[in-house]
Amino acid sequence: MREQLYERAVAVWGEGAQCGMVIEEVGGLLVGLNHWMRGRQCEAELLEEVADVRIMLDQLVHIVDAKDGEARVAELVEGKLRRLEGRLAEEERSCVE
């Protein structure tokens, strides 16, 4: 269902407009995060900004590679999470010593 929505969005508004929306939504998240950190925005508002960015990032992946994009991104995320795990383990070991 999501893929069909992304296809429709691109068909109606075009890739350029949707890529512009990615930038706009990321900007909204940056502002929202800054406000939340200073106590000027509640968690619910910040999470709404996160949801907007997730949707647009999913659309961006679809625009870049509709066939294999999700799998490629999932593989990259797993690799980055493994790297994070390794860095955390190394940091925790150095704190113990």
C-alpha atoms as a PDB file:
ATOM      1  CA  MET A   1       0.000   0.000   0.000  1.00  0.00           C
ATOM      2  CA  ARG A   2       2.768   2.478   0.871  1.00  0.00           C
ATOM      3  CA  GLU A   3       4.570   1.833  -2.390  1.00  0.00           C
ATOM      4  CA  GLN A   4       1.379   2.633  -4.295  1.00  0.00           C
ATOM      5  CA  LEU A   5       1.004   5.884  -2.361  1.00  0.00           C
ATOM      6  CA  TYR A   6       4.601   6.834  -3.141  1.00  0.00           C
ATOM      7  CA  GLU A   7       4.030   6.087  -6.820  1.00  0.00           C
ATOM      8  CA  ARG A   8       0.907   8.244  -6.815  1.00  0.00           C
ATOM      9  CA  ALA A   9       2.671  11.102  -5.035  1.00  0.00           C
ATOM     10  CA  VAL A  10       5.464  11.095  -7.604  1.00  0.00           C
ATOM     11  CA  ALA A  11       2.965  10.827 -10.452  1.00  0.00           C
ATOM     12  CA  VAL A  12       0.945  13.785  -9.174  1.00  0.00           C
ATOM     13  CA  TRP A  13       3.671  16.106  -7.871  1.00  0.00           C
ATOM     14  CA  GLY A  14       6.848  14.817  -9.536  1.00  0.00           C
ATOM     15  CA  GLU A  15      10.193  13.646  -8.189  1.00  0.00           C
ATOM     16  CA  GLY A  16      11.601  17.149  -7.829  1.00  0.00           C
ATOM     17  CA  ALA A  17       8.712  18.345  -5.697  1.00  0.00           C
ATOM     18  CA  GLN A  18       8.877  15.249  -3.500  1.00  0.00           C
ATOM     19  CA  CYS A  19      12.635  15.646  -3.034  1.00  0.00           C
ATOM     20  CA  GLY A  20      11.946  19.258  -2.065  1.00  0.00           C
ATOM     21  CA  MET A  21       9.453  17.999   0.492  1.00  0.00           C
ATOM     22  CA  VAL A  22      12.151  15.771   1.987  1.00  0.00           C
ATOM     23  CA  ILE A  23      14.249  18.886   2.554  1.00  0.00           C
ATOM     24  CA  GLU A  24      11.286  20.780   3.989  1.00  0.00           C
ATOM     25  CA  GLU A  25      10.319  18.000   6.396  1.00  0.00           C
ATOM     26  CA  VAL A  26      13.912  17.481   7.565  1.00  0.00           C
ATOM     27  CA  GLY A  27      14.073  21.227   8.215  1.00  0.00           C
ATOM     28  CA  GLY A  28      10.871  20.984  10.234  1.00  0.00           C
ATOM     29  CA  LEU A  29      12.395  18.187  12.287  1.00  0.00           C
ATOM     30  CA  LEU A  30      15.513  20.249  12.953  1.00  0.00           C
ATOM     31  CA  VAL A  31      13.437  23.163  14.199  1.00  0.00           C
ATOM     32  CA  GLY A  32      11.168  20.859  16.210  1.00  0.00           C
ATOM     33  CA  LEU A  33      14.103  19.088  17.835  1.00  0.00           C
ATOM     34  CA  ASN A  34      15.672  22.398  18.765  1.00  0.00           C
ATOM     35  CA  HIS A  35      12.396  23.563  20.311  1.00  0.00           C
ATOM     36  CA  TRP A  36      11.931  20.272  22.161  1.00  0.00           C
ATOM     37  CA  MET A  37      15.461  20.449  23.601  1.00  0.00           C
ATOM     38  CA  ARG A  38      14.674  23.940  24.936  1.00  0.00           C
ATOM     39  CA  GLY A  39      11.310  22.884  26.377  1.00  0.00           C
ATOM     40  CA  ARG A  40       9.289  24.809  23.786  1.00  0.00           C
ATOM     41  CA  GLN A  41       7.697  21.775  22.131  1.00  0.00           C
ATOM     42  CA  CYS A  42       6.069  18.667  23.570  1.00  0.00           C
ATOM     43  CA  GLU A  43       7.022  15.089  22.724  1.00  0.00           C
ATOM     44  CA  ALA A  44       3.892  14.538  20.640  1.00  0.00           C
ATOM     45  CA  GLU A  45       4.773  17.443  18.332  1.00  0.00           C
ATOM     46  CA  LEU A  46       8.338  16.222  17.958  1.00  0.00           C
ATOM     47  CA  LEU A  47       7.165  12.696  17.162  1.00  0.00           C
ATOM     48  CA  GLU A  48       4.838  14.109  14.512  1.00  0.00           C
ATOM     49  CA  GLU A  49       7.870  15.725  12.862  1.00  0.00           C
ATOM     50  CA  VAL A  50       9.696  12.379  13.033  1.00  0.00           C
ATOM     51  CA  ALA A  51       6.736  10.677  11.338  1.00  0.00           C
ATOM     52  CA  ASP A  52       6.734  13.283   8.561  1.00  0.00           C
ATOM     53  CA  VAL A  53      10.450  12.748   7.929  1.00  0.00           C
ATOM     54  CA  ARG A  54      10.115   8.955   7.939  1.00  0.00           C
ATOM     55  CA  ILE A  55       7.389   9.113   5.318  1.00  0.00           C
ATOM     56  CA  MET A  56       9.414  11.418   3.109  1.00  0.00           C
ATOM     57  CA  LEU A  57      12.590   9.346   3.524  1.00  0.00           C
ATOM     58  CA  ASP A  58      10.635   6.262   2.503  1.00  0.00           C
ATOM     59  CA  GLN A  59       9.446   8.153  -0.563  1.00  0.00           C
ATOM     60  CA  LEU A  60      13.017   9.225  -1.322  1.00  0.00           C
ATOM     61  CA  VAL A  61      14.228   5.626  -1.179  1.00  0.00           C
ATOM     62  CA  HIS A  62      11.418   4.705  -3.548  1.00  0.00           C
ATOM     63  CA  ILE A  63      12.367   7.518  -5.924  1.00  0.00           C
ATOM     64  CA  VAL A  64      16.048   6.529  -5.922  1.00  0.00           C
ATOM     65  CA  ASP A  65      15.484   2.781  -6.308  1.00  0.00           C
ATOM     66  CA  ALA A  66      11.882   1.576  -6.433  1.00  0.00           C
ATOM     67  CA  LYS A  67      12.882  -2.031  -7.019  1.00  0.00           C
ATOM     68  CA  ASP A  68      15.579  -2.732  -4.407  1.00  0.00           C
ATOM     69  CA  GLY A  69      15.848   0.469  -2.373  1.00  0.00           C
ATOM     70  CA  GLU A  70      14.218  -0.822   0.799  1.00  0.00           C
ATOM     71  CA  ALA A  71      16.398  -3.934   0.891  1.00  0.00           C
ATOM     72  CA  ARG A  72      19.520  -1.932   0.149  1.00  0.00           C
ATOM     73  CA  VAL A  73      18.786   0.584   2.897  1.00  0.00           C
ATOM     74  CA  ALA A  74      17.934  -2.213   5.362  1.00  0.00           C
ATOM     75  CA  GLU A  75      21.291  -3.852   4.628  1.00  0.00           C
ATOM     76  CA  LEU A  76      23.123  -0.558   5.120  1.00  0.00           C
ATOM     77  CA  VAL A  77      21.274   0.075   8.393  1.00  0.00           C
ATOM     78  CA  GLU A  78      22.218  -3.365   9.709  1.00  0.00           C
ATOM     79  CA  GLY A  79      25.875  -2.730   8.874  1.00  0.00           C
ATOM     80  CA  LYS A  80      25.800   0.643  10.608  1.00  0.00           C
ATOM     81  CA  LEU A  81      24.112  -0.862  13.670  1.00  0.00           C
ATOM     82  CA  ARG A  82      26.818  -3.534  13.866  1.00  0.00           C
ATOM     83  CA  ARG A  83      29.441  -0.800  13.669  1.00  0.00           C
ATOM     84  CA  LEU A  84      27.666   1.109  16.459  1.00  0.00           C
ATOM     85  CA  GLU A  85      27.604  -2.057  18.562  1.00  0.00           C
ATOM     86  CA  GLY A  86      31.338  -2.468  18.069  1.00  0.00           C
ATOM     87  CA  ARG A  87      32.046   1.140  18.970  1.00  0.00           C
ATOM     88  CA  LEU A  88      29.916   0.898  22.103  1.00  0.00           C
ATOM     89  CA  ALA A  89      31.626  -2.320  23.189  1.00  0.00           C
ATOM     90  CA  GLU A  90      35.029  -0.707  22.650  1.00  0.00           C
ATOM     91  CA  GLU A  91      34.019   2.391  24.602  1.00  0.00           C
ATOM     92  CA  GLU A  92      32.588   0.307  27.449  1.00  0.00           C
ATOM     93  CA  ARG A  93      35.803  -1.734  27.630  1.00  0.00           C
ATOM     94  CA  SER A  94      37.930   1.398  27.791  1.00  0.00           C
ATOM     95  CA  CYS A  95      35.772   2.796  30.603  1.00  0.00           C
ATOM     96  CA  VAL A  96      36.324  -0.356  32.687  1.00  0.00           C
ATOM     97  CA  GLU A  97      40.099  -0.290  32.359  1.00  0.00           C
END
